Amino acid sequence: MSRFPLPLAAILLTGIVAAGCGNAEDLYPLKLHEQWTYTVKNSFSTRVQKVAVARQIPVALTTGYELDGPMGISRLAWRDGTLYAEALPNTRIYKPIPLLVAKVGPATLHWSGEVQTLAGNQKAEATMVQVPDSIELGARKLDTVRSNLTVKLPNKTVELDTWYAKGIGPVKQDERTNGNLDVHVELLDGP
């Protein structure tokens, strides 16, 4: 189980939904009731989990989506070409955090705000860096955009690497706490 539920272990397990325009649809083409199936591995188990777009709701001062999966819900929205999260499983985020920029090229964004988890409210700072990348997923080679989100909390650093493929969405994610791999997620089936 993820120690700090951020994106794919959190987001893949709850999905990522994008409503928006232009390139956003290319990197994460989503619609209501869309589903993805992922293999989720941690140090204790490997399991298969589905993520679905459950409903449309207000997120980050725009129209967004709520995603539902075994670990809980996420609330995400595209705004001005950036994908933001306000909620992830067991986590509320005060001042939406950027997860992805709707372009294939490099991008860097900085964030500061507050997260609320079962441990209470904590101030946090984050940097999101994305670059073009290619990966092998099973027998397929995919051109992707790799987004690295590094969140610094008072007592730990959580790093989330997520690979997005055009026309599919998130296809792979690794989540680390203080450099140790917590969760590895890979797409089995999706749009």
N, C-alpha and C. Protein backbone atom coordinates (compact mmCIF):
# COMPACT_ATOMS: atom_id res chain seq x y z
N MET A 1 0.84 -1.17 0.00
CA MET A 1 0.00 0.00 0.00
C MET A 1 0.88 1.23 0.00
N SER A 2 0.47 2.24 -0.71
CA SER A 2 1.21 3.47 -0.82
C SER A 2 1.28 4.19 0.51
N ARG A 3 2.45 4.75 0.82
CA ARG A 3 2.61 5.48 2.07
C ARG A 3 2.05 6.88 1.98
N PHE A 4 2.07 7.48 0.82
CA PHE A 4 1.48 8.79 0.59
C PHE A 4 0.76 8.70 -0.73
N PRO A 5 -0.53 8.58 -0.71
CA PRO A 5 -1.28 8.28 -1.92
C PRO A 5 -1.26 9.39 -2.95
N LEU A 6 -0.26 9.42 -3.75
CA LEU A 6 -0.19 10.35 -4.86
C LEU A 6 -0.40 9.58 -6.14
N PRO A 7 -0.56 10.27 -7.24
CA PRO A 7 -0.95 9.79 -8.53
C PRO A 7 -1.06 8.31 -8.80
N LEU A 8 -0.31 7.66 -9.61
CA LEU A 8 -0.76 6.40 -10.16
C LEU A 8 -1.01 5.28 -9.17
N ALA A 9 -0.15 4.99 -8.26
CA ALA A 9 -0.56 4.01 -7.28
C ALA A 9 -1.88 4.52 -6.76
N ALA A 10 -1.94 5.80 -6.59
CA ALA A 10 -3.20 6.41 -6.23
C ALA A 10 -3.97 6.76 -7.47
N ILE A 11 -3.31 7.31 -8.43
CA ILE A 11 -4.04 7.78 -9.59
C ILE A 11 -4.34 6.66 -10.55
N LEU A 12 -3.39 5.79 -10.79
CA LEU A 12 -3.72 4.67 -11.64
C LEU A 12 -4.75 3.79 -10.96
N LEU A 13 -4.62 3.65 -9.66
CA LEU A 13 -5.57 2.83 -8.95
C LEU A 13 -6.92 3.51 -8.86
N THR A 14 -6.95 4.77 -9.07
CA THR A 14 -8.23 5.46 -9.11
C THR A 14 -8.39 6.13 -10.46
N GLY A 15 -7.42 5.96 -11.32
CA GLY A 15 -7.45 6.50 -12.66
C GLY A 15 -7.04 7.95 -12.69
N ILE A 16 -7.00 8.48 -13.90
CA ILE A 16 -6.82 9.91 -14.07
C ILE A 16 -7.81 10.30 -15.14
N VAL A 17 -8.53 11.34 -14.92
CA VAL A 17 -9.50 11.74 -15.91
C VAL A 17 -9.20 13.13 -16.39
N ALA A 18 -9.38 13.29 -17.65
CA ALA A 18 -9.11 14.59 -18.22
C ALA A 18 -10.28 15.06 -19.03
N ALA A 19 -10.72 16.24 -18.73
CA ALA A 19 -11.65 16.92 -19.59
C ALA A 19 -10.90 18.15 -19.99
N GLY A 20 -11.01 18.53 -21.19
CA GLY A 20 -10.25 19.70 -21.56
C GLY A 20 -10.17 19.77 -23.05
N CYS A 21 -9.17 20.47 -23.51
CA CYS A 21 -9.12 20.70 -24.93
C CYS A 21 -7.74 20.35 -25.48
N GLY A 22 -7.68 20.31 -26.77
CA GLY A 22 -6.41 20.16 -27.46
C GLY A 22 -5.62 18.95 -27.05
N ASN A 23 -4.34 19.18 -26.73
CA ASN A 23 -3.41 18.11 -26.44
C ASN A 23 -3.75 17.30 -25.20
N ALA A 24 -4.53 17.87 -24.29
CA ALA A 24 -4.90 17.15 -23.08
C ALA A 24 -5.59 15.84 -23.44
N GLU A 25 -6.45 15.89 -24.43
CA GLU A 25 -7.15 14.69 -24.86
C GLU A 25 -6.19 13.67 -25.44
N ASP A 26 -5.10 14.12 -26.04
CA ASP A 26 -4.13 13.20 -26.62
C ASP A 26 -3.39 12.40 -25.55
N LEU A 27 -2.95 13.06 -24.48
CA LEU A 27 -2.18 12.38 -23.44
C LEU A 27 -3.05 11.62 -22.45
N TYR A 28 -4.29 12.02 -22.30
CA TYR A 28 -5.19 11.31 -21.40
C TYR A 28 -6.62 11.43 -21.91
N PRO A 29 -6.94 10.67 -22.97
CA PRO A 29 -8.29 10.74 -23.54
C PRO A 29 -9.28 10.00 -22.65
N LEU A 30 -10.17 10.72 -22.00
CA LEU A 30 -11.08 10.11 -21.04
C LEU A 30 -12.51 10.52 -21.28
N LYS A 31 -13.41 9.68 -20.81
CA LYS A 31 -14.82 10.01 -20.83
C LYS A 31 -15.51 9.27 -19.69
N LEU A 32 -16.66 9.74 -19.34
CA LEU A 32 -17.43 9.16 -18.25
C LEU A 32 -17.59 7.65 -18.45
N HIS A 33 -17.37 6.89 -17.41
CA HIS A 33 -17.49 5.43 -17.36
C HIS A 33 -16.35 4.68 -18.06
N GLU A 34 -15.32 5.41 -18.52
CA GLU A 34 -14.14 4.75 -19.10
C GLU A 34 -13.46 3.93 -18.00
N GLN A 35 -12.82 2.81 -18.39
CA GLN A 35 -12.15 1.95 -17.41
C GLN A 35 -10.76 1.54 -17.89
N TRP A 36 -9.87 1.34 -16.91
CA TRP A 36 -8.53 0.82 -17.15
C TRP A 36 -8.30 -0.32 -16.18
N THR A 37 -7.48 -1.28 -16.58
CA THR A 37 -7.11 -2.39 -15.70
C THR A 37 -5.59 -2.38 -15.56
N TYR A 38 -5.11 -2.44 -14.31
CA TYR A 38 -3.69 -2.35 -14.01
C TYR A 38 -3.21 -3.52 -13.16
N THR A 39 -1.93 -3.89 -13.35
CA THR A 39 -1.26 -4.78 -12.42
C THR A 39 -0.56 -3.90 -11.40
N VAL A 40 -0.79 -4.19 -10.12
CA VAL A 40 -0.24 -3.39 -9.03
C VAL A 40 0.64 -4.29 -8.17
N LYS A 41 1.93 -3.91 -8.04
CA LYS A 41 2.87 -4.72 -7.27
C LYS A 41 3.45 -3.88 -6.14
N ASN A 42 3.50 -4.49 -4.94
CA ASN A 42 4.27 -3.90 -3.85
C ASN A 42 5.11 -5.02 -3.26
N SER A 43 5.77 -4.78 -2.16
CA SER A 43 6.67 -5.80 -1.61
C SER A 43 5.93 -7.01 -1.06
N PHE A 44 4.61 -6.90 -0.89
CA PHE A 44 3.84 -8.00 -0.30
C PHE A 44 2.98 -8.78 -1.30
N SER A 45 2.54 -8.13 -2.38
CA SER A 45 1.61 -8.82 -3.27
C SER A 45 1.60 -8.22 -4.67
N THR A 46 0.98 -8.96 -5.57
CA THR A 46 0.68 -8.50 -6.93
C THR A 46 -0.80 -8.73 -7.13
N ARG A 47 -1.49 -7.70 -7.62
CA ARG A 47 -2.93 -7.84 -7.83
C ARG A 47 -3.34 -7.07 -9.09
N VAL A 48 -4.52 -7.39 -9.57
CA VAL A 48 -5.09 -6.70 -10.72
C VAL A 48 -6.23 -5.84 -10.21
N GLN A 49 -6.23 -4.55 -10.62
CA GLN A 49 -7.26 -3.63 -10.15
C GLN A 49 -7.78 -2.78 -11.29
N LYS A 50 -9.08 -2.49 -11.22
CA LYS A 50 -9.74 -1.65 -12.22
C LYS A 50 -9.94 -0.26 -11.66
N VAL A 51 -9.87 0.72 -12.56
CA VAL A 51 -10.12 2.12 -12.24
C VAL A 51 -11.17 2.61 -13.24
N ALA A 52 -12.16 3.37 -12.74
CA ALA A 52 -13.21 3.85 -13.62
C ALA A 52 -13.51 5.32 -13.36
N VAL A 53 -13.90 6.02 -14.40
CA VAL A 53 -14.37 7.39 -14.29
C VAL A 53 -15.81 7.33 -13.81
N ALA A 54 -16.04 7.75 -12.56
CA ALA A 54 -17.35 7.57 -11.93
C ALA A 54 -18.33 8.69 -12.23
N ARG A 55 -17.87 9.95 -12.14
CA ARG A 55 -18.80 11.06 -12.35
C ARG A 55 -18.04 12.35 -12.61
N GLN A 56 -18.79 13.32 -13.13
CA GLN A 56 -18.25 14.64 -13.38
C GLN A 56 -18.57 15.53 -12.17
N ILE A 57 -17.56 16.28 -11.68
CA ILE A 57 -17.74 17.14 -10.50
C ILE A 57 -16.84 18.38 -10.64
N PRO A 58 -17.12 19.43 -9.86
CA PRO A 58 -16.22 20.59 -9.87
C PRO A 58 -14.89 20.24 -9.19
N VAL A 59 -13.79 20.59 -9.86
CA VAL A 59 -12.44 20.36 -9.34
C VAL A 59 -11.57 21.52 -9.80
N ALA A 60 -10.76 22.07 -8.93
CA ALA A 60 -9.78 23.11 -9.27
C ALA A 60 -10.43 24.27 -10.03
N LEU A 61 -11.59 24.68 -9.58
CA LEU A 61 -12.32 25.81 -10.16
C LEU A 61 -12.74 25.59 -11.61
N THR A 62 -12.94 24.32 -12.00
CA THR A 62 -13.40 24.00 -13.34
C THR A 62 -14.17 22.68 -13.29
N THR A 63 -14.58 22.18 -14.43
CA THR A 63 -15.26 20.90 -14.49
C THR A 63 -14.22 19.79 -14.50
N GLY A 64 -14.35 18.86 -13.57
CA GLY A 64 -13.41 17.75 -13.47
C GLY A 64 -14.13 16.45 -13.31
N TYR A 65 -13.40 15.44 -12.82
CA TYR A 65 -13.95 14.10 -12.70
C TYR A 65 -13.54 13.45 -11.39
N GLU A 66 -14.38 12.54 -10.96
CA GLU A 66 -14.05 11.70 -9.82
C GLU A 66 -13.81 10.30 -10.35
N LEU A 67 -12.69 9.72 -9.96
CA LEU A 67 -12.32 8.38 -10.38
C LEU A 67 -12.43 7.46 -9.18
N ASP A 68 -12.84 6.24 -9.44
CA ASP A 68 -13.06 5.29 -8.36
C ASP A 68 -12.28 4.01 -8.64
N GLY A 69 -11.61 3.52 -7.59
CA GLY A 69 -10.85 2.29 -7.67
C GLY A 69 -10.77 1.66 -6.29
N PRO A 70 -10.16 0.51 -6.15
CA PRO A 70 -10.10 -0.20 -4.88
C PRO A 70 -9.47 0.59 -3.73
N MET A 71 -8.55 1.50 -4.02
CA MET A 71 -7.91 2.26 -2.94
C MET A 71 -8.69 3.51 -2.55
N GLY A 72 -9.70 3.88 -3.33
CA GLY A 72 -10.47 5.07 -3.01
C GLY A 72 -10.71 5.94 -4.22
N ILE A 73 -10.96 7.23 -3.97
CA ILE A 73 -11.29 8.15 -5.06
C ILE A 73 -10.18 9.16 -5.30
N SER A 74 -10.19 9.67 -6.52
CA SER A 74 -9.35 10.80 -6.89
C SER A 74 -10.24 11.81 -7.57
N ARG A 75 -9.90 13.08 -7.42
CA ARG A 75 -10.63 14.16 -8.09
C ARG A 75 -9.62 14.98 -8.87
N LEU A 76 -9.82 15.00 -10.22
CA LEU A 76 -8.86 15.59 -11.13
C LEU A 76 -9.53 16.44 -12.18
N ALA A 77 -8.79 17.41 -12.73
CA ALA A 77 -9.32 18.24 -13.81
C ALA A 77 -8.19 18.85 -14.61
N TRP A 78 -8.46 19.06 -15.90
CA TRP A 78 -7.56 19.84 -16.75
C TRP A 78 -7.98 21.29 -16.64
N ARG A 79 -7.00 22.16 -16.39
CA ARG A 79 -7.26 23.60 -16.39
C ARG A 79 -6.08 24.30 -17.05
N ASP A 80 -6.36 25.08 -18.06
CA ASP A 80 -5.32 25.84 -18.78
C ASP A 80 -4.16 24.95 -19.22
N GLY A 81 -4.46 23.76 -19.72
CA GLY A 81 -3.44 22.87 -20.25
C GLY A 81 -2.64 22.08 -19.22
N THR A 82 -3.08 22.09 -17.95
CA THR A 82 -2.40 21.34 -16.91
C THR A 82 -3.40 20.46 -16.17
N LEU A 83 -3.02 19.22 -15.88
CA LEU A 83 -3.85 18.31 -15.11
C LEU A 83 -3.56 18.52 -13.63
N TYR A 84 -4.62 18.81 -12.85
CA TYR A 84 -4.49 19.05 -11.41
C TYR A 84 -5.26 18.00 -10.62
N ALA A 85 -4.78 17.73 -9.39
CA ALA A 85 -5.48 16.85 -8.46
C ALA A 85 -5.84 17.64 -7.21
N GLU A 86 -7.08 17.47 -6.74
CA GLU A 86 -7.53 18.04 -5.47
C GLU A 86 -7.67 16.97 -4.40
N ALA A 87 -7.90 15.74 -4.84
CA ALA A 87 -8.04 14.62 -3.90
C ALA A 87 -7.46 13.37 -4.54
N LEU A 88 -6.81 12.57 -3.69
CA LEU A 88 -6.29 11.27 -4.06
C LEU A 88 -6.67 10.33 -2.93
N PRO A 89 -6.58 9.03 -3.11
CA PRO A 89 -7.01 8.12 -2.03
C PRO A 89 -6.40 8.50 -0.68
N ASN A 90 -7.27 8.68 0.29
CA ASN A 90 -6.86 9.02 1.66
C ASN A 90 -6.12 10.34 1.78
N THR A 91 -6.21 11.19 0.76
CA THR A 91 -5.48 12.46 0.77
C THR A 91 -6.33 13.57 0.16
N ARG A 92 -6.41 14.69 0.86
CA ARG A 92 -6.99 15.91 0.31
C ARG A 92 -5.83 16.86 0.07
N ILE A 93 -5.90 17.62 -1.01
CA ILE A 93 -4.83 18.53 -1.37
C ILE A 93 -5.40 19.94 -1.42
N TYR A 94 -4.83 20.82 -0.62
CA TYR A 94 -5.31 22.20 -0.56
C TYR A 94 -4.38 23.07 -1.37
N LYS A 95 -4.92 23.56 -2.44
CA LYS A 95 -4.30 24.20 -3.58
C LYS A 95 -3.93 23.04 -4.52
N PRO A 96 -4.75 22.84 -5.57
CA PRO A 96 -4.55 21.69 -6.47
C PRO A 96 -3.10 21.55 -6.93
N ILE A 97 -2.65 20.30 -6.97
CA ILE A 97 -1.26 20.00 -7.33
C ILE A 97 -1.18 19.58 -8.81
N PRO A 98 -0.21 20.10 -9.57
CA PRO A 98 -0.08 19.73 -10.98
C PRO A 98 0.53 18.34 -11.15
N LEU A 99 -0.07 17.59 -12.07
CA LEU A 99 0.40 16.23 -12.35
C LEU A 99 1.01 16.08 -13.74
N LEU A 100 0.53 16.88 -14.70
CA LEU A 100 0.92 16.70 -16.10
C LEU A 100 0.60 17.97 -16.88
N VAL A 101 1.46 18.31 -17.84
CA VAL A 101 1.21 19.42 -18.75
C VAL A 101 0.82 18.80 -20.09
N ALA A 102 -0.18 19.37 -20.73
CA ALA A 102 -0.73 18.80 -21.96
C ALA A 102 0.12 19.12 -23.18
N LYS A 103 1.36 18.65 -23.15
CA LYS A 103 2.24 18.75 -24.31
C LYS A 103 3.26 17.63 -24.22
N VAL A 104 3.83 17.29 -25.34
CA VAL A 104 4.79 16.18 -25.37
C VAL A 104 6.17 16.64 -24.93
N GLY A 105 6.48 17.90 -25.09
CA GLY A 105 7.81 18.40 -24.76
C GLY A 105 8.06 18.57 -23.28
N PRO A 106 9.28 18.98 -22.94
CA PRO A 106 9.67 19.16 -21.54
C PRO A 106 8.86 20.26 -20.86
N ALA A 107 8.66 20.11 -19.55
CA ALA A 107 7.95 21.11 -18.75
C ALA A 107 8.38 20.94 -17.29
N THR A 108 8.37 22.05 -16.56
CA THR A 108 8.67 22.03 -15.13
C THR A 108 7.69 22.97 -14.43
N LEU A 109 7.06 22.50 -13.34
CA LEU A 109 6.16 23.32 -12.53
C LEU A 109 6.51 23.14 -11.06
N HIS A 110 6.36 24.21 -10.29
CA HIS A 110 6.59 24.16 -8.85
C HIS A 110 5.27 24.39 -8.13
N TRP A 111 5.13 23.80 -6.95
CA TRP A 111 3.90 23.86 -6.18
C TRP A 111 4.23 23.93 -4.69
N SER A 112 3.40 24.65 -3.94
CA SER A 112 3.46 24.58 -2.49
C SER A 112 2.03 24.67 -1.98
N GLY A 113 1.75 23.94 -0.94
CA GLY A 113 0.40 23.91 -0.40
C GLY A 113 0.35 23.04 0.83
N GLU A 114 -0.80 22.44 1.04
CA GLU A 114 -1.00 21.61 2.22
C GLU A 114 -1.71 20.33 1.81
N VAL A 115 -1.31 19.23 2.43
CA VAL A 115 -1.98 17.95 2.21
C VAL A 115 -2.55 17.48 3.54
N GLN A 116 -3.70 16.83 3.44
CA GLN A 116 -4.33 16.27 4.64
C GLN A 116 -4.45 14.77 4.44
N THR A 117 -3.84 14.01 5.35
CA THR A 117 -3.90 12.56 5.32
C THR A 117 -4.39 12.07 6.68
N LEU A 118 -4.39 10.77 6.88
CA LEU A 118 -4.76 10.23 8.18
C LEU A 118 -3.82 10.72 9.28
N ALA A 119 -2.61 11.12 8.90
CA ALA A 119 -1.63 11.63 9.86
C ALA A 119 -1.87 13.10 10.21
N GLY A 120 -2.82 13.75 9.53
CA GLY A 120 -3.13 15.15 9.79
C GLY A 120 -2.71 16.05 8.64
N ASN A 121 -2.78 17.35 8.86
CA ASN A 121 -2.40 18.34 7.84
C ASN A 121 -0.90 18.57 7.88
N GLN A 122 -0.31 18.67 6.67
CA GLN A 122 1.12 18.92 6.57
C GLN A 122 1.39 19.89 5.42
N LYS A 123 2.28 20.83 5.64
CA LYS A 123 2.72 21.69 4.55
C LYS A 123 3.64 20.87 3.65
N ALA A 124 3.60 21.17 2.37
CA ALA A 124 4.40 20.41 1.41
C ALA A 124 4.83 21.32 0.26
N GLU A 125 5.91 20.92 -0.39
CA GLU A 125 6.38 21.57 -1.60
C GLU A 125 6.62 20.47 -2.63
N ALA A 126 6.41 20.81 -3.90
CA ALA A 126 6.57 19.80 -4.95
C ALA A 126 7.13 20.43 -6.22
N THR A 127 7.77 19.58 -7.01
CA THR A 127 8.21 19.95 -8.34
C THR A 127 7.78 18.84 -9.29
N MET A 128 7.16 19.25 -10.41
CA MET A 128 6.77 18.31 -11.45
C MET A 128 7.64 18.60 -12.67
N VAL A 129 8.37 17.57 -13.13
CA VAL A 129 9.21 17.69 -14.32
C VAL A 129 8.77 16.62 -15.29
N GLN A 130 8.50 17.01 -16.53
CA GLN A 130 8.13 16.00 -17.52
C GLN A 130 9.03 16.11 -18.75
N VAL A 131 9.28 14.93 -19.36
CA VAL A 131 10.13 14.83 -20.55
C VAL A 131 9.57 13.74 -21.46
N PRO A 132 9.83 13.84 -22.76
CA PRO A 132 9.48 12.74 -23.66
C PRO A 132 10.30 11.51 -23.30
N ASP A 133 9.73 10.33 -23.46
CA ASP A 133 10.41 9.08 -23.12
C ASP A 133 9.79 7.96 -23.95
N SER A 134 10.43 6.83 -23.99
CA SER A 134 9.84 5.64 -24.61
C SER A 134 10.08 4.48 -23.67
N ILE A 135 9.10 3.58 -23.60
CA ILE A 135 9.21 2.42 -22.72
C ILE A 135 8.72 1.19 -23.45
N GLU A 136 9.11 0.03 -22.91
CA GLU A 136 8.55 -1.24 -23.39
C GLU A 136 7.54 -1.71 -22.37
N LEU A 137 6.36 -2.00 -22.84
CA LEU A 137 5.29 -2.48 -21.98
C LEU A 137 4.81 -3.80 -22.59
N GLY A 138 5.21 -4.90 -21.96
CA GLY A 138 4.95 -6.20 -22.58
C GLY A 138 5.75 -6.28 -23.86
N ALA A 139 5.08 -6.60 -24.95
CA ALA A 139 5.76 -6.72 -26.24
C ALA A 139 5.71 -5.42 -27.04
N ARG A 140 5.11 -4.38 -26.47
CA ARG A 140 4.96 -3.12 -27.20
C ARG A 140 5.98 -2.08 -26.75
N LYS A 141 6.48 -1.32 -27.73
CA LYS A 141 7.31 -0.16 -27.42
C LYS A 141 6.41 1.06 -27.59
N LEU A 142 6.35 1.90 -26.56
CA LEU A 142 5.46 3.06 -26.58
C LEU A 142 6.24 4.36 -26.44
N ASP A 143 5.89 5.34 -27.26
CA ASP A 143 6.38 6.70 -27.05
C ASP A 143 5.50 7.31 -25.98
N THR A 144 6.13 7.89 -24.95
CA THR A 144 5.38 8.39 -23.80
C THR A 144 5.90 9.76 -23.37
N VAL A 145 5.18 10.34 -22.43
CA VAL A 145 5.64 11.50 -21.68
C VAL A 145 5.80 11.01 -20.24
N ARG A 146 7.00 11.20 -19.70
CA ARG A 146 7.27 10.78 -18.32
C ARG A 146 7.16 12.01 -17.42
N SER A 147 6.27 11.92 -16.43
CA SER A 147 6.09 12.99 -15.47
C SER A 147 6.65 12.53 -14.13
N ASN A 148 7.60 13.31 -13.59
CA ASN A 148 8.17 13.01 -12.28
C ASN A 148 7.67 14.08 -11.31
N LEU A 149 6.89 13.66 -10.32
CA LEU A 149 6.39 14.56 -9.28
C LEU A 149 7.11 14.22 -7.99
N THR A 150 7.87 15.18 -7.47
CA THR A 150 8.58 14.99 -6.21
C THR A 150 7.94 15.89 -5.16
N VAL A 151 7.39 15.27 -4.11
CA VAL A 151 6.69 15.99 -3.05
C VAL A 151 7.52 15.90 -1.78
N LYS A 152 7.88 17.06 -1.24
CA LYS A 152 8.67 17.11 0.00
C LYS A 152 7.75 17.48 1.15
N LEU A 153 7.65 16.55 2.10
CA LEU A 153 6.87 16.73 3.33
C LEU A 153 7.86 16.90 4.47
N PRO A 154 7.41 17.30 5.66
CA PRO A 154 8.35 17.52 6.76
C PRO A 154 9.24 16.31 7.08
N ASN A 155 8.71 15.10 7.01
CA ASN A 155 9.49 13.92 7.43
C ASN A 155 9.79 12.92 6.32
N LYS A 156 9.41 13.24 5.08
CA LYS A 156 9.68 12.30 4.00
C LYS A 156 9.55 12.98 2.65
N THR A 157 10.09 12.32 1.64
CA THR A 157 9.97 12.76 0.25
C THR A 157 9.32 11.63 -0.54
N VAL A 158 8.26 11.96 -1.26
CA VAL A 158 7.55 11.00 -2.09
C VAL A 158 7.80 11.37 -3.54
N GLU A 159 8.22 10.38 -4.33
CA GLU A 159 8.50 10.61 -5.74
C GLU A 159 7.61 9.71 -6.57
N LEU A 160 6.94 10.31 -7.55
CA LEU A 160 6.01 9.57 -8.38
C LEU A 160 6.40 9.76 -9.85
N ASP A 161 6.82 8.67 -10.50
CA ASP A 161 7.12 8.68 -11.93
C ASP A 161 5.95 8.03 -12.65
N THR A 162 5.35 8.79 -13.58
CA THR A 162 4.21 8.29 -14.33
C THR A 162 4.47 8.47 -15.82
N TRP A 163 4.23 7.43 -16.60
CA TRP A 163 4.40 7.47 -18.05
C TRP A 163 3.03 7.50 -18.70
N TYR A 164 2.80 8.50 -19.58
CA TYR A 164 1.54 8.67 -20.29
C TYR A 164 1.76 8.43 -21.77
N ALA A 165 0.89 7.62 -22.39
CA ALA A 165 0.96 7.37 -23.83
C ALA A 165 -0.22 8.03 -24.51
N LYS A 166 0.04 8.68 -25.64
CA LYS A 166 -1.02 9.35 -26.40
C LYS A 166 -2.11 8.34 -26.75
N GLY A 167 -3.34 8.77 -26.59
CA GLY A 167 -4.47 7.93 -26.94
C GLY A 167 -4.82 6.88 -25.90
N ILE A 168 -3.97 6.72 -24.87
CA ILE A 168 -4.21 5.70 -23.85
C ILE A 168 -4.33 6.31 -22.47
N GLY A 169 -3.39 7.16 -22.09
CA GLY A 169 -3.34 7.72 -20.74
C GLY A 169 -2.18 7.11 -19.98
N PRO A 170 -2.27 7.01 -18.64
CA PRO A 170 -1.17 6.46 -17.85
C PRO A 170 -0.97 4.97 -18.13
N VAL A 171 0.28 4.60 -18.44
CA VAL A 171 0.56 3.19 -18.76
C VAL A 171 1.49 2.54 -17.75
N LYS A 172 2.19 3.36 -16.96
CA LYS A 172 3.13 2.82 -15.97
C LYS A 172 3.34 3.87 -14.89
N GLN A 173 3.60 3.39 -13.65
CA GLN A 173 3.92 4.30 -12.56
C GLN A 173 4.76 3.60 -11.51
N ASP A 174 5.75 4.34 -10.98
CA ASP A 174 6.55 3.89 -9.85
C ASP A 174 6.43 4.96 -8.76
N GLU A 175 6.14 4.52 -7.54
CA GLU A 175 6.05 5.43 -6.41
C GLU A 175 7.10 5.05 -5.38
N ARG A 176 7.89 6.05 -4.96
CA ARG A 176 8.97 5.83 -3.99
C ARG A 176 8.81 6.78 -2.81
N THR A 177 9.15 6.28 -1.62
CA THR A 177 9.21 7.11 -0.43
C THR A 177 10.64 7.06 0.08
N ASN A 178 11.25 8.23 0.19
CA ASN A 178 12.65 8.35 0.61
C ASN A 178 13.56 7.42 -0.21
N GLY A 179 13.29 7.30 -1.50
CA GLY A 179 14.11 6.50 -2.40
C GLY A 179 13.76 5.03 -2.49
N ASN A 180 12.88 4.53 -1.63
CA ASN A 180 12.50 3.11 -1.64
C ASN A 180 11.22 2.90 -2.44
N LEU A 181 11.24 1.93 -3.36
CA LEU A 181 10.07 1.64 -4.20
C LEU A 181 8.95 1.07 -3.34
N ASP A 182 7.79 1.75 -3.36
CA ASP A 182 6.60 1.31 -2.62
C ASP A 182 5.65 0.53 -3.52
N VAL A 183 5.40 1.07 -4.71
CA VAL A 183 4.39 0.49 -5.60
C VAL A 183 4.85 0.63 -7.05
N HIS A 184 4.63 -0.44 -7.83
CA HIS A 184 4.87 -0.43 -9.28
C HIS A 184 3.56 -0.81 -9.96
N VAL A 185 3.14 0.01 -10.92
CA VAL A 185 1.85 -0.19 -11.59
C VAL A 185 2.07 -0.21 -13.11
N GLU A 186 1.41 -1.17 -13.80
CA GLU A 186 1.47 -1.23 -15.26
C GLU A 186 0.09 -1.51 -15.83
N LEU A 187 -0.19 -0.89 -16.97
CA LEU A 187 -1.46 -1.06 -17.66
C LEU A 187 -1.59 -2.47 -18.25
N LEU A 188 -2.73 -3.09 -18.02
CA LEU A 188 -3.06 -4.36 -18.66
C LEU A 188 -4.03 -4.13 -19.81
N ASP A 189 -5.03 -3.28 -19.57
CA ASP A 189 -6.07 -3.04 -20.57
C ASP A 189 -6.67 -1.66 -20.36
N GLY A 190 -6.94 -0.98 -21.45
CA GLY A 190 -7.53 0.34 -21.36
C GLY A 190 -8.09 0.75 -22.70
N PRO A 191 -8.43 2.02 -22.81
CA PRO A 191 -9.04 2.52 -24.05
C PRO A 191 -8.14 2.35 -25.27
